[in-house]
Amino acid sequence: MVASDTSAGRSIFAQAFEDLPQHWSVAPLEEYVYFQEGPGIRNWQYRPFGIPFVNIRCLKDGRLDVNSMSFVDPLEVDQKYSHFLLDPEDFVVSSSGTLGRLAEVRAADLPCMLNTSVIRMRPRRVDLDRKFLKVFLMSSLFQRQILSLASGSAQLNYGPSHLRQMLICVPPISEQRAIASILGALDDKIELNRKMSATLEAMARALFKSWFVDFDPVRAKSEDRDPGLPPEIAALFPDSFEDSELGDIPKRWRASSLGEVAVNERRGISHNDIPEGTPYIGLEHMPRRSIALGRWDHAAQLESNKSQFRQGDILFGKLRPYFHKVGVAPVAGVCSTDILVVSPASTDWAAFVLMHLSSDELVAHTDRCSTGTKMPRASWEHISRYEVTLPPVTVVRSFTMAIAPMAERIVAAIHESRTLAVLRDALLPKLISGELRVTEAERTLEESA
């Protein structure tokens, strides 16, 4: 192992790099990586639209969550902050609170800019592969340096002055690319699962809108057109409308409320009675605008009472409902009491209830009815009174049967991605430290396939 600068040898972290392969080099991080801290946009500068900026809450599972971004005036960006605009080659890393959380900037995320609590990073030399930099930033060799240098009383933080004291390990470029390729293949599969789940959800939502919002099959039959459905399904729909308090609805369907076909399960449990290892879902684990709940922790030293849920229950985030956090539980476990646990009155209504609860219209209704100014909360009382048009059970049963395979595939993808993430996280420190060679890692992947 060769230190490219005497400052590397003097670093307080040099000992942590001693066991690396001899042909790898170690150097000050700033020699290989360009980094920049965000400017610190103030609340009074926020705008309802404009150029979005990235802060710590936007960093989700290695990606930027555009739905979590706030905005600043484009003119102000042009005049004062243009040098903080991000590029597709950038990574952003959290520098306050939860330290070292990483997200990759993609072309689809742009334009957007840095804000406080995040730091931009990108290679500054051609002999540092961009994808290998991502691997290094995720590794314990980097994360341990952050934790060692971070300071603060209310919450830990670090900045460019700390980064200048850090080291990076640099294998030959061919090895960098091989390591990044192995771990990147796992990340690519996880990303593919995410995209597939999003596509399946969009398909389910489109079918729900067609059948139960726009009433397309009924409208087609009333106009003597082919509804485009198998004959046995088309026969379930009437060929005319009738008046109701909700306006025109399909004949013999009923104007009602969601509470007739959905139940708020109230199964509280003391934190002292929760077995260790029980899956735990908090609001922080729930993505916005996605029914796929792919993140959870395991119960350990929980300090407040929780709600129990079963696999397949619908979880609805009632705190700040405008965040639109609604999803299907892929496992049984416990959740925060800021999450409502909802189940259908019968399995026939499962997909119908899920699509309504996760719809923009119901979330907007819930937001209007929520109580509290700074921390608005929704209530099941208001959700249960949400007006819906109820079809005969034969129609919703057919809808649930059509949606069930999609929901099952989404849940399967969640579990597969978690397995892949565990494998990636196990391989990463061994590859980045040289403990595991690339050929050995490839064999490991083949055996686990």
Protein backbone atom coordinates (compact mmCIF):
# COMPACT_ATOMS: atom_id res chain seq x y z
CA MET A 1 0.00 0.00 0.00
CA VAL A 2 1.38 3.39 -1.03
CA ALA A 3 0.40 6.72 0.50
CA SER A 4 0.39 9.35 -2.22
CA ASP A 5 1.07 12.15 0.25
CA THR A 6 2.85 12.31 3.58
CA SER A 7 -0.30 13.83 5.10
CA ALA A 8 -1.98 10.47 4.53
CA GLY A 9 0.62 8.81 6.69
CA ARG A 10 0.08 11.34 9.45
CA SER A 11 -3.70 11.05 9.38
CA ILE A 12 -5.44 9.79 12.51
CA PHE A 13 -7.19 7.28 10.23
CA ALA A 14 -4.09 5.80 8.61
CA GLN A 15 -4.15 2.73 10.86
CA ALA A 16 -7.64 1.79 9.64
CA PHE A 17 -6.23 1.46 6.12
CA GLU A 18 -3.18 -0.65 7.03
CA ASP A 19 -4.71 -3.99 6.00
CA LEU A 20 -5.51 -2.97 2.43
CA PRO A 21 -3.80 -4.79 -0.46
CA GLN A 22 -0.27 -3.53 -1.06
CA HIS A 23 -0.99 -2.36 -4.60
CA TRP A 24 -3.85 -0.07 -3.45
CA SER A 25 -3.00 3.51 -2.61
CA VAL A 26 -4.31 5.70 0.19
CA ALA A 27 -4.56 9.47 -0.13
CA PRO A 28 -6.31 12.48 1.38
CA LEU A 29 -9.94 12.47 0.25
CA GLU A 30 -9.70 16.00 -1.16
CA GLU A 31 -7.03 14.85 -3.65
CA TYR A 32 -9.55 12.62 -5.40
CA VAL A 33 -12.96 14.06 -4.52
CA TYR A 34 -14.48 17.49 -5.07
CA PHE A 35 -16.91 18.39 -2.29
CA GLN A 36 -19.16 21.38 -1.60
CA GLU A 37 -21.49 22.30 1.24
CA GLY A 38 -24.98 23.71 0.63
CA PRO A 39 -25.76 27.41 1.21
CA GLY A 40 -28.53 27.20 3.83
CA ILE A 41 -31.85 28.36 2.36
CA ARG A 42 -34.04 30.02 5.01
CA ASN A 43 -37.75 29.31 5.54
CA TRP A 44 -38.74 32.76 4.35
CA GLN A 45 -37.08 32.00 1.00
CA TYR A 46 -39.30 28.96 0.34
CA ARG A 47 -41.69 29.25 -2.60
CA PRO A 48 -44.65 27.07 -3.67
CA PHE A 49 -42.85 26.33 -6.94
CA GLY A 50 -39.52 27.10 -8.62
CA ILE A 51 -36.12 25.38 -8.42
CA PRO A 52 -36.24 22.48 -5.93
CA PHE A 53 -33.45 22.08 -3.39
CA VAL A 54 -32.07 19.00 -1.70
CA ASN A 55 -31.89 18.59 2.06
CA ILE A 56 -31.56 15.56 4.28
CA ARG A 57 -35.20 14.46 4.12
CA CYS A 58 -34.87 14.09 0.32
CA LEU A 59 -32.28 11.29 0.59
CA LYS A 60 -34.21 8.00 0.38
CA ASP A 61 -32.70 4.59 -0.36
CA GLY A 62 -29.89 5.95 -2.50
CA ARG A 63 -32.17 8.19 -4.55
CA LEU A 64 -33.52 11.73 -4.37
CA ASP A 65 -37.17 11.84 -3.35
CA VAL A 66 -38.46 14.71 -5.48
CA ASN A 67 -41.76 14.70 -3.57
CA SER A 68 -39.87 15.75 -0.41
CA MET A 69 -38.25 18.81 -1.97
CA SER A 70 -39.09 22.47 -1.33
CA PHE A 71 -38.53 25.32 -3.78
CA VAL A 72 -36.67 28.59 -4.15
CA ASP A 73 -37.26 31.43 -6.62
CA PRO A 74 -35.47 30.69 -9.97
CA LEU A 75 -34.39 34.35 -10.20
CA GLU A 76 -32.74 34.08 -6.78
CA VAL A 77 -30.96 30.90 -7.89
CA ASP A 78 -29.73 32.65 -11.02
CA GLN A 79 -28.44 35.64 -9.05
CA LYS A 80 -27.02 33.99 -5.92
CA TYR A 81 -27.00 30.19 -6.02
CA SER A 82 -26.24 29.05 -9.58
CA HIS A 83 -22.96 27.43 -8.45
CA PHE A 84 -24.96 25.18 -6.10
CA LEU A 85 -26.99 23.61 -8.94
CA LEU A 86 -26.41 19.86 -9.05
CA ASP A 87 -25.19 17.79 -12.02
CA PRO A 88 -25.95 14.19 -13.06
CA GLU A 89 -22.42 13.18 -12.05
CA ASP A 90 -22.94 14.22 -8.41
CA PHE A 91 -23.57 12.33 -5.22
CA VAL A 92 -25.08 14.05 -2.19
CA VAL A 93 -24.30 12.92 1.35
CA SER A 94 -26.08 13.97 4.54
CA SER A 95 -23.87 15.98 6.90
CA SER A 96 -26.23 16.53 9.84
CA GLY A 97 -28.60 14.37 11.89
CA THR A 98 -28.40 10.93 10.28
CA LEU A 99 -24.85 11.16 8.99
CA GLY A 100 -23.54 9.65 5.76
CA ARG A 101 -26.87 8.99 4.07
CA LEU A 102 -26.14 8.86 0.33
CA ALA A 103 -28.15 9.63 -2.81
CA GLU A 104 -27.16 9.62 -6.46
CA VAL A 105 -28.23 12.57 -8.59
CA ARG A 106 -29.90 11.51 -11.84
CA ALA A 107 -30.73 13.51 -14.93
CA ALA A 108 -34.46 13.10 -14.21
CA ASP A 109 -33.98 14.88 -10.83
CA LEU A 110 -32.71 18.10 -12.43
CA PRO A 111 -32.81 20.99 -12.10
CA CYS A 112 -32.23 21.03 -8.37
CA MET A 113 -29.69 22.56 -6.00
CA LEU A 114 -27.92 21.93 -2.71
CA ASN A 115 -29.18 23.19 0.60
CA THR A 116 -27.85 22.89 4.13
CA SER A 117 -27.26 19.47 5.76
CA VAL A 118 -26.05 17.88 2.52
CA ILE A 119 -22.69 17.89 0.73
CA ARG A 120 -22.08 17.45 -2.99
CA MET A 121 -19.35 14.95 -3.96
CA ARG A 122 -17.88 13.95 -7.32
CA PRO A 123 -14.55 12.57 -8.61
CA ARG A 124 -11.98 15.22 -9.46
CA ARG A 125 -9.48 12.83 -11.12
CA VAL A 126 -9.82 10.43 -14.02
CA ASP A 127 -8.19 7.62 -12.04
CA LEU A 128 -11.15 7.54 -9.62
CA ASP A 129 -14.16 5.75 -11.08
CA ARG A 130 -17.45 7.49 -10.28
CA LYS A 131 -19.23 4.25 -9.39
CA PHE A 132 -16.37 3.20 -7.17
CA LEU A 133 -16.65 6.53 -5.35
CA LYS A 134 -20.26 5.64 -4.58
CA VAL A 135 -19.14 2.29 -3.16
CA PHE A 136 -16.48 4.00 -1.02
CA LEU A 137 -18.95 6.57 0.34
CA MET A 138 -21.21 3.72 1.44
CA SER A 139 -18.38 1.78 3.07
CA SER A 140 -17.41 1.59 6.72
CA LEU A 141 -14.00 3.07 5.81
CA PHE A 142 -15.76 6.35 5.01
CA GLN A 143 -18.64 6.12 7.48
CA ARG A 144 -16.33 5.50 10.45
CA GLN A 145 -14.33 8.61 9.57
CA ILE A 146 -17.52 10.68 9.57
CA LEU A 147 -18.53 9.43 13.01
CA SER A 148 -15.05 10.01 14.41
CA LEU A 149 -14.91 13.64 13.32
CA ALA A 150 -18.53 14.78 13.62
CA SER A 151 -19.37 17.16 16.45
CA GLY A 152 -22.38 18.92 17.94
CA SER A 153 -24.53 18.83 21.04
CA ALA A 154 -28.12 18.86 19.74
CA GLN A 155 -27.19 16.69 16.73
CA LEU A 156 -23.97 15.54 15.11
CA ASN A 157 -22.71 17.27 11.98
CA TYR A 158 -19.59 17.62 9.87
CA GLY A 159 -18.43 19.80 6.98
CA PRO A 160 -15.64 20.42 4.45
CA SER A 161 -13.08 21.08 7.18
CA HIS A 162 -13.67 17.54 8.49
CA LEU A 163 -13.59 16.03 5.00
CA ARG A 164 -10.12 17.50 4.48
CA GLN A 165 -8.89 15.28 7.33
CA MET A 166 -10.26 12.10 5.77
CA LEU A 167 -8.63 9.44 3.59
CA ILE A 168 -9.74 7.43 0.58
CA CYS A 169 -8.45 4.06 -0.64
CA VAL A 170 -7.84 3.84 -4.38
CA PRO A 171 -7.34 0.48 -6.08
CA PRO A 172 -6.13 0.34 -9.69
CA ILE A 173 -8.87 1.61 -11.99
CA SER A 174 -9.63 -1.89 -13.33
CA GLU A 175 -10.29 -3.17 -9.81
CA GLN A 176 -12.38 -0.11 -9.00
CA ARG A 177 -14.62 -0.86 -11.95
CA ALA A 178 -14.86 -4.56 -11.15
CA ILE A 179 -15.87 -3.88 -7.53
CA ALA A 180 -18.39 -1.23 -8.60
CA SER A 181 -19.80 -3.57 -11.25
CA ILE A 182 -20.48 -6.38 -8.77
CA LEU A 183 -22.20 -4.17 -6.23
CA GLY A 184 -23.84 -2.08 -8.93
CA ALA A 185 -25.50 -5.18 -10.38
CA LEU A 186 -27.24 -5.74 -7.05
CA ASP A 187 -28.29 -2.08 -6.90
CA ASP A 188 -29.57 -2.31 -10.48
CA LYS A 189 -31.76 -5.29 -9.61
CA ILE A 190 -33.14 -3.45 -6.58
CA GLU A 191 -33.88 -0.43 -8.78
CA LEU A 192 -35.52 -2.67 -11.40
CA ASN A 193 -37.79 -4.11 -8.71
CA ARG A 194 -38.73 -0.60 -7.61
CA LYS A 195 -39.61 0.45 -11.15
CA MET A 196 -41.59 -2.73 -11.74
CA SER A 197 -43.58 -2.18 -8.56
CA ALA A 198 -44.30 1.42 -9.59
CA THR A 199 -45.53 0.20 -13.00
CA LEU A 200 -47.76 -2.45 -11.45
CA GLU A 201 -49.23 0.11 -9.05
CA ALA A 202 -49.92 2.49 -11.94
CA MET A 203 -51.67 -0.31 -13.84
CA ALA A 204 -53.84 -1.14 -10.81
CA ARG A 205 -54.69 2.53 -10.32
CA ALA A 206 -55.63 2.96 -13.98
CA LEU A 207 -57.99 -0.03 -13.85
CA PHE A 208 -59.54 1.25 -10.61
CA LYS A 209 -60.15 4.68 -12.15
CA SER A 210 -61.67 3.15 -15.26
CA TRP A 211 -64.09 0.90 -13.39
CA PHE A 212 -64.99 2.88 -10.27
CA VAL A 213 -64.36 6.57 -11.03
CA ASP A 214 -64.98 7.08 -14.76
CA PHE A 215 -67.33 4.05 -15.04
CA ASP A 216 -65.90 3.30 -18.50
CA PRO A 217 -67.49 -0.18 -18.91
CA VAL A 218 -70.94 1.17 -18.02
CA ARG A 219 -70.50 4.18 -20.28
CA ALA A 220 -69.41 1.96 -23.18
CA LYS A 221 -72.41 -0.35 -22.79
CA SER A 222 -74.81 2.60 -22.49
CA GLU A 223 -73.44 3.88 -25.81
CA ASP A 224 -73.63 0.41 -27.39
CA ARG A 225 -69.82 0.19 -27.59
CA ASP A 226 -67.58 -2.76 -26.78
CA PRO A 227 -66.30 -2.23 -23.19
CA GLY A 228 -63.12 -4.11 -24.11
CA LEU A 229 -63.50 -6.68 -21.34
CA PRO A 230 -63.93 -10.45 -21.35
CA PRO A 231 -67.65 -11.24 -21.80
CA GLU A 232 -68.02 -12.67 -18.30
CA ILE A 233 -66.57 -9.49 -16.78
CA ALA A 234 -68.50 -7.12 -19.04
CA ALA A 235 -71.74 -8.87 -18.06
CA LEU A 236 -71.22 -7.74 -14.44
CA PHE A 237 -71.64 -4.06 -15.37
CA PRO A 238 -75.03 -2.40 -16.02
CA ASP A 239 -75.74 -0.55 -19.26
CA SER A 240 -77.22 2.64 -17.77
CA PHE A 241 -76.87 5.22 -14.98
CA GLU A 242 -79.20 6.52 -12.28
CA ASP A 243 -79.25 9.67 -10.18
CA SER A 244 -77.89 9.72 -6.60
CA GLU A 245 -76.60 12.18 -4.03
CA LEU A 246 -73.17 11.66 -5.62
CA GLY A 247 -74.49 12.42 -9.10
CA ASP A 248 -74.97 9.86 -11.85
CA ILE A 249 -73.80 6.42 -10.81
CA PRO A 250 -74.18 2.99 -12.47
CA LYS A 251 -77.65 1.51 -12.10
CA ARG A 252 -78.12 -0.57 -8.94
CA TRP A 253 -74.82 0.66 -7.46
CA ARG A 254 -75.05 2.56 -4.16
CA ALA A 255 -73.86 5.92 -2.86
CA SER A 256 -72.23 5.20 0.51
CA SER A 257 -69.07 5.83 2.53
CA LEU A 258 -65.74 4.03 2.81
CA GLY A 259 -66.46 3.04 6.40
CA GLU A 260 -69.07 0.58 5.17
CA VAL A 261 -66.39 -1.64 3.59
CA ALA A 262 -63.29 -0.80 5.66
CA VAL A 263 -62.40 -1.11 9.33
CA ASN A 264 -59.82 0.74 11.44
CA GLU A 265 -58.09 -2.05 13.38
CA ARG A 266 -57.27 -0.87 16.90
CA ARG A 267 -54.84 -3.42 18.29
CA GLY A 268 -52.56 -1.55 20.66
CA ILE A 269 -49.62 -3.19 22.41
CA SER A 270 -47.35 -2.02 25.21
CA HIS A 271 -43.73 -1.54 24.19
CA ASN A 272 -42.80 -3.91 27.03
CA ASP A 273 -44.78 -6.74 25.38
CA ILE A 274 -43.29 -6.47 21.88
CA PRO A 275 -40.98 -9.44 21.17
CA GLU A 276 -37.49 -8.42 20.08
CA GLY A 277 -37.09 -8.81 16.35
CA THR A 278 -40.70 -7.92 15.54
CA PRO A 279 -40.83 -5.82 12.34
CA TYR A 280 -41.46 -2.15 13.16
CA ILE A 281 -42.73 0.45 10.69
CA GLY A 282 -42.67 4.16 11.51
CA LEU A 283 -43.64 7.10 9.35
CA GLU A 284 -39.97 7.51 8.46
CA HIS A 285 -40.04 4.10 6.74
CA MET A 286 -43.06 4.86 4.55
CA PRO A 287 -42.45 6.29 1.06
CA ARG A 288 -44.66 8.99 -0.38
CA ARG A 289 -47.16 8.04 -3.07
CA SER A 290 -46.26 4.37 -3.15
CA ILE A 291 -48.11 1.38 -1.74
CA ALA A 292 -44.85 -0.63 -1.68
CA LEU A 293 -43.54 -0.53 1.90
CA GLY A 294 -40.02 -1.82 1.45
CA ARG A 295 -38.40 -0.48 4.61
CA TRP A 296 -38.79 -1.48 8.24
CA ASP A 297 -36.66 -1.95 11.31
CA HIS A 298 -36.92 -4.55 14.03
CA ALA A 299 -38.30 -3.78 17.46
CA ALA A 300 -35.53 -3.14 19.93
CA GLN A 301 -35.76 -0.81 22.91
CA LEU A 302 -38.97 0.85 21.72
CA GLU A 303 -40.03 3.37 24.34
CA SER A 304 -43.74 3.90 23.62
CA ASN A 305 -46.82 1.84 22.91
CA LYS A 306 -47.45 0.74 19.33
CA SER A 307 -50.20 -0.60 17.09
CA GLN A 308 -50.17 -4.15 15.78
CA PHE A 309 -50.81 -4.97 12.14
CA ARG A 310 -51.12 -8.13 10.06
CA GLN A 311 -49.55 -8.86 6.70
CA GLY A 312 -51.83 -7.39 4.06
CA ASP A 313 -53.26 -4.66 6.29
CA ILE A 314 -53.27 -1.14 4.88
CA LEU A 315 -51.16 1.41 6.78
CA PHE A 316 -52.22 5.07 6.52
CA GLY A 317 -49.95 7.80 7.89
CA LYS A 318 -52.30 10.12 9.77
CA LEU A 319 -49.68 12.68 10.88
CA ARG A 320 -49.38 15.34 8.18
CA PRO A 321 -51.59 13.32 5.83
CA TYR A 322 -50.58 15.53 2.90
CA PHE A 323 -47.30 13.56 2.85
CA HIS A 324 -49.43 10.82 1.23
CA LYS A 325 -47.96 7.83 3.06
CA VAL A 326 -50.22 4.83 2.42
CA GLY A 327 -49.16 1.25 1.74
CA VAL A 328 -49.74 -2.46 2.15
CA ALA A 329 -47.91 -4.21 4.99
CA PRO A 330 -45.64 -6.90 3.46
CA VAL A 331 -45.12 -8.47 6.88
CA ALA A 332 -46.89 -8.64 10.22
CA GLY A 333 -45.52 -6.38 12.95
CA VAL A 334 -46.05 -3.19 14.91
CA CYS A 335 -46.20 0.42 13.81
CA SER A 336 -46.23 3.93 15.20
CA THR A 337 -49.53 5.14 16.65
CA ASP A 338 -49.30 7.94 14.06
CA ILE A 339 -50.24 5.27 11.53
CA LEU A 340 -53.81 4.01 11.11
CA VAL A 341 -54.17 0.26 10.54
CA VAL A 342 -57.03 -0.42 8.11
CA SER A 343 -58.42 -3.66 6.73
CA PRO A 344 -61.29 -4.40 4.33
CA ALA A 345 -64.59 -5.62 5.72
CA SER A 346 -63.97 -8.79 3.67
CA THR A 347 -61.26 -9.97 1.30
CA ASP A 348 -63.53 -9.16 -1.66
CA TRP A 349 -63.12 -5.45 -0.91
CA ALA A 350 -59.33 -5.50 -0.34
CA ALA A 351 -58.18 -3.91 -3.62
CA PHE A 352 -61.13 -1.48 -3.72
CA VAL A 353 -60.32 -0.17 -0.22
CA LEU A 354 -56.60 0.06 -0.93
CA MET A 355 -57.08 2.06 -4.12
CA HIS A 356 -59.44 4.50 -2.42
CA LEU A 357 -57.25 4.96 0.66
CA SER A 358 -54.16 5.65 -1.47
CA SER A 359 -55.92 7.93 -3.97
CA ASP A 360 -55.09 11.62 -4.35
CA GLU A 361 -58.75 12.46 -3.78
CA LEU A 362 -59.03 10.73 -0.40
CA VAL A 363 -55.69 12.08 0.80
CA ALA A 364 -56.79 15.61 -0.15
CA HIS A 365 -60.10 15.08 1.68
CA THR A 366 -58.26 13.83 4.74
CA ASP A 367 -55.89 16.78 4.68
CA ARG A 368 -58.83 19.23 4.60
CA CYS A 369 -60.42 17.50 7.59
CA SER A 370 -57.25 17.11 9.66
CA THR A 371 -56.88 18.92 12.98
CA GLY A 372 -53.85 20.78 14.28
CA THR A 373 -51.85 23.61 12.72
CA LYS A 374 -48.17 22.67 12.98
CA MET A 375 -48.72 18.91 13.22
CA PRO A 376 -52.09 18.18 11.54
CA ARG A 377 -53.53 14.72 12.13
CA ALA A 378 -56.16 12.80 10.27
CA SER A 379 -58.82 10.74 12.02
CA TRP A 380 -60.54 7.53 11.03
CA GLU A 381 -63.86 9.24 11.72
CA HIS A 382 -63.34 11.60 8.78
CA ILE A 383 -61.79 8.95 6.54
CA SER A 384 -64.64 6.52 7.17
CA ARG A 385 -67.15 9.17 6.07
CA TYR A 386 -65.44 9.65 2.70
CA GLU A 387 -68.15 9.25 0.06
CA VAL A 388 -67.77 6.40 -2.41
CA THR A 389 -69.90 4.57 -4.93
CA LEU A 390 -70.28 0.92 -3.94
CA PRO A 391 -70.68 -1.64 -6.74
CA PRO A 392 -72.14 -5.12 -6.26
CA VAL A 393 -69.73 -7.53 -4.61
CA THR A 394 -69.42 -9.50 -7.85
CA VAL A 395 -67.74 -6.50 -9.49
CA VAL A 396 -65.28 -5.78 -6.67
CA ARG A 397 -64.47 -9.47 -6.41
CA SER A 398 -63.44 -9.47 -10.06
CA PHE A 399 -61.38 -6.32 -9.49
CA THR A 400 -59.60 -7.83 -6.48
CA MET A 401 -58.85 -10.99 -8.49
CA ALA A 402 -57.35 -8.85 -11.27
CA ILE A 403 -55.23 -6.82 -8.85
CA ALA A 404 -54.14 -9.65 -6.53
CA PRO A 405 -51.30 -10.96 -8.77
CA MET A 406 -49.92 -7.41 -9.08
CA ALA A 407 -49.99 -6.91 -5.30
CA GLU A 408 -48.34 -10.29 -4.74
CA ARG A 409 -45.56 -9.43 -7.20
CA ILE A 410 -44.97 -6.09 -5.46
CA VAL A 411 -44.62 -7.83 -2.09
CA ALA A 412 -42.32 -10.48 -3.59
CA ALA A 413 -40.14 -7.72 -5.09
CA ILE A 414 -39.91 -6.04 -1.68
CA HIS A 415 -38.59 -9.19 -0.03
CA GLU A 416 -36.22 -9.93 -2.92
CA SER A 417 -34.81 -6.40 -2.77
CA ARG A 418 -34.23 -6.64 0.96
CA THR A 419 -32.34 -9.92 0.44
CA LEU A 420 -30.25 -8.31 -2.29
CA ALA A 421 -29.53 -5.31 -0.05
CA VAL A 422 -28.35 -7.61 2.76
CA LEU A 423 -26.04 -9.41 0.33
CA ARG A 424 -24.73 -6.10 -1.04
CA ASP A 425 -24.10 -4.74 2.45
CA ALA A 426 -22.25 -7.94 3.41
CA LEU A 427 -20.04 -7.87 0.31
CA LEU A 428 -19.31 -4.14 0.38
CA PRO A 429 -16.93 -3.92 3.38
CA LYS A 430 -15.11 -7.08 2.32
CA LEU A 431 -14.53 -5.84 -1.22
CA ILE A 432 -13.62 -2.30 -0.24
CA SER A 433 -11.09 -3.58 2.33
CA GLY A 434 -9.54 -6.14 0.02
CA GLU A 435 -10.60 -8.99 2.32
CA LEU A 436 -12.66 -10.47 -0.52
CA ARG A 437 -11.35 -10.59 -4.08
CA VAL A 438 -13.57 -9.84 -7.06
CA THR A 439 -13.52 -13.46 -8.32
CA GLU A 440 -14.61 -14.72 -4.89
CA ALA A 441 -17.46 -12.21 -4.78
CA GLU A 442 -18.61 -13.32 -8.23
CA ARG A 443 -18.75 -16.92 -7.01
CA THR A 444 -20.77 -15.81 -3.99
CA LEU A 445 -23.30 -14.11 -6.26
CA GLU A 446 -23.57 -17.16 -8.50
CA GLU A 447 -24.22 -19.43 -5.50
CA SER A 448 -26.93 -17.11 -4.16
CA ALA A 449 -28.72 -16.72 -7.51
